[in-house]
Amino acid sequence: MKLYFATTTLFFLSIFLFPWFVTAGLGLLIVARYSGYEVVFGGLMMDLLYGVDIPAFYFGAYIYTIIGIAVLFFGVYIKRHLVFCQS
């Protein structure tokens, strides 16, 4: 349980302190190891802080949230179908 809180806290701190790829790696680690709903909230925080609305991209201002939701659904789908992840 302590590792869960430490990983989640580091994930939210990495939004402010580290480059995007460190945050993305921690988000993938959270989805792979735990339920991973924090990734969607982290994506929303990143969009609200750093998102820029570009007309060429339809959902440009909310791209991190969309990626977070996609990673969460993909992680849940994969964990449901893997034998060694079933509990």
C-alpha atoms as a PDB file:
ATOM      1  CA  MET A   1       0.000   0.000   0.000  1.00  0.00           C
ATOM      2  CA  LYS A   2       2.911   2.327   0.731  1.00  0.00           C
ATOM      3  CA  LEU A   3       4.341   1.657  -2.720  1.00  0.00           C
ATOM      4  CA  TYR A   4       0.995   2.566  -4.266  1.00  0.00           C
ATOM      5  CA  PHE A   5       0.874   5.940  -2.508  1.00  0.00           C
ATOM      6  CA  ALA A   6       4.536   6.616  -3.286  1.00  0.00           C
ATOM      7  CA  THR A   7       4.069   5.832  -6.982  1.00  0.00           C
ATOM      8  CA  THR A   8       0.916   7.920  -7.225  1.00  0.00           C
ATOM      9  CA  THR A   9       2.517  10.840  -5.420  1.00  0.00           C
ATOM     10  CA  LEU A  10       5.579  10.650  -7.659  1.00  0.00           C
ATOM     11  CA  PHE A  11       3.293  10.539 -10.709  1.00  0.00           C
ATOM     12  CA  PHE A  12       1.492  13.740  -9.715  1.00  0.00           C
ATOM     13  CA  LEU A  13       4.740  15.472  -8.771  1.00  0.00           C
ATOM     14  CA  SER A  14       6.270  14.442 -12.094  1.00  0.00           C
ATOM     15  CA  ILE A  15       3.577  16.458 -13.881  1.00  0.00           C
ATOM     16  CA  PHE A  16       5.180  19.591 -12.478  1.00  0.00           C
ATOM     17  CA  LEU A  17       8.834  18.586 -12.213  1.00  0.00           C
ATOM     18  CA  PHE A  18       9.819  16.086 -14.906  1.00  0.00           C
ATOM     19  CA  PRO A  19       9.549  15.852 -18.706  1.00  0.00           C
ATOM     20  CA  TRP A  20       6.474  14.288 -20.273  1.00  0.00           C
ATOM     21  CA  PHE A  21       8.127  10.931 -20.960  1.00  0.00           C
ATOM     22  CA  VAL A  22       8.898  10.390 -17.266  1.00  0.00           C
ATOM     23  CA  THR A  23       5.274  11.153 -16.442  1.00  0.00           C
ATOM     24  CA  ALA A  24       4.095   8.825 -19.222  1.00  0.00           C
ATOM     25  CA  GLY A  25       6.347   6.039 -17.935  1.00  0.00           C
ATOM     26  CA  LEU A  26       5.022   6.416 -14.421  1.00  0.00           C
ATOM     27  CA  GLY A  27       1.478   6.440 -15.794  1.00  0.00           C
ATOM     28  CA  LEU A  28       2.108   3.184 -17.638  1.00  0.00           C
ATOM     29  CA  LEU A  29       3.595   1.699 -14.488  1.00  0.00           C
ATOM     30  CA  ILE A  30       0.514   2.684 -12.497  1.00  0.00           C
ATOM     31  CA  VAL A  31      -1.841   1.193 -15.095  1.00  0.00           C
ATOM     32  CA  ALA A  32       0.200  -2.008 -15.310  1.00  0.00           C
ATOM     33  CA  ARG A  33       0.511  -2.506 -11.565  1.00  0.00           C
ATOM     34  CA  TYR A  34      -2.632  -0.939 -10.065  1.00  0.00           C
ATOM     35  CA  SER A  35      -6.109   0.073 -11.211  1.00  0.00           C
ATOM     36  CA  GLY A  36      -4.766   3.233 -12.826  1.00  0.00           C
ATOM     37  CA  TYR A  37      -7.628   5.701 -12.578  1.00  0.00           C
ATOM     38  CA  GLU A  38      -5.164   8.340 -11.465  1.00  0.00           C
ATOM     39  CA  VAL A  39      -3.774   8.483 -14.991  1.00  0.00           C
ATOM     40  CA  VAL A  40      -6.967  10.111 -16.265  1.00  0.00           C
ATOM     41  CA  PHE A  41      -6.816  12.782 -13.556  1.00  0.00           C
ATOM     42  CA  GLY A  42      -3.134  13.317 -14.266  1.00  0.00           C
ATOM     43  CA  GLY A  43      -3.908  13.745 -17.956  1.00  0.00           C
ATOM     44  CA  LEU A  44      -6.601  16.263 -17.117  1.00  0.00           C
ATOM     45  CA  MET A  45      -4.162  18.184 -14.925  1.00  0.00           C
ATOM     46  CA  MET A  46      -1.579  18.202 -17.722  1.00  0.00           C
ATOM     47  CA  ASP A  47      -4.174  19.441 -20.210  1.00  0.00           C
ATOM     48  CA  LEU A  48      -5.348  22.206 -17.912  1.00  0.00           C
ATOM     49  CA  LEU A  49      -1.782  23.306 -17.217  1.00  0.00           C
ATOM     50  CA  TYR A  50      -0.026  22.792 -20.552  1.00  0.00           C
ATOM     51  CA  GLY A  51      -2.726  22.143 -23.162  1.00  0.00           C
ATOM     52  CA  VAL A  52      -2.868  24.446 -26.169  1.00  0.00           C
ATOM     53  CA  ASP A  53      -5.881  24.538 -28.453  1.00  0.00           C
ATOM     54  CA  ILE A  54      -4.537  24.109 -31.994  1.00  0.00           C
ATOM     55  CA  PRO A  55      -7.147  24.243 -34.782  1.00  0.00           C
ATOM     56  CA  ALA A  56      -5.308  21.575 -36.806  1.00  0.00           C
ATOM     57  CA  PHE A  57      -5.948  19.048 -34.027  1.00  0.00           C
ATOM     58  CA  TYR A  58      -9.590  18.509 -33.193  1.00  0.00           C
ATOM     59  CA  PHE A  59      -9.011  17.687 -29.526  1.00  0.00           C
ATOM     60  CA  GLY A  60      -5.705  19.504 -29.120  1.00  0.00           C
ATOM     61  CA  ALA A  61      -6.396  20.974 -25.704  1.00  0.00           C
ATOM     62  CA  TYR A  62      -7.399  17.599 -24.205  1.00  0.00           C
ATOM     63  CA  ILE A  63      -4.940  15.242 -25.847  1.00  0.00           C
ATOM     64  CA  TYR A  64      -3.346  14.026 -22.586  1.00  0.00           C
ATOM     65  CA  THR A  65      -6.746  13.202 -21.126  1.00  0.00           C
ATOM     66  CA  ILE A  66      -7.713  11.234 -24.235  1.00  0.00           C
ATOM     67  CA  ILE A  67      -4.399   9.360 -24.166  1.00  0.00           C
ATOM     68  CA  GLY A  68      -4.863   8.661 -20.433  1.00  0.00           C
ATOM     69  CA  ILE A  69      -8.334   7.221 -21.011  1.00  0.00           C
ATOM     70  CA  ALA A  70      -7.081   5.098 -23.921  1.00  0.00           C
ATOM     71  CA  VAL A  71      -4.165   3.745 -21.860  1.00  0.00           C
ATOM     72  CA  LEU A  72      -6.520   2.983 -18.971  1.00  0.00           C
ATOM     73  CA  PHE A  73      -8.986   1.060 -21.158  1.00  0.00           C
ATOM     74  CA  PHE A  74      -6.186  -0.774 -22.929  1.00  0.00           C
ATOM     75  CA  GLY A  75      -4.580  -1.709 -19.609  1.00  0.00           C
ATOM     76  CA  VAL A  76      -7.853  -2.988 -18.178  1.00  0.00           C
ATOM     77  CA  TYR A  77      -8.517  -4.988 -21.346  1.00  0.00           C
ATOM     78  CA  ILE A  78      -5.045  -6.523 -21.358  1.00  0.00           C
ATOM     79  CA  LYS A  79      -5.109  -7.350 -17.633  1.00  0.00           C
ATOM     80  CA  ARG A  80      -8.487  -9.022 -18.026  1.00  0.00           C
ATOM     81  CA  HIS A  81      -7.193 -11.308 -20.776  1.00  0.00           C
ATOM     82  CA  LEU A  82      -3.781 -12.204 -19.336  1.00  0.00           C
ATOM     83  CA  VAL A  83      -3.630 -15.317 -17.214  1.00  0.00           C
ATOM     84  CA  PHE A  84      -0.963 -14.136 -14.779  1.00  0.00           C
ATOM     85  CA  CYS A  85      -2.803 -10.862 -13.999  1.00  0.00           C
ATOM     86  CA  GLN A  86      -6.096 -12.432 -12.978  1.00  0.00           C
ATOM     87  CA  SER A  87      -6.907 -12.352  -9.310  1.00  0.00           C
END
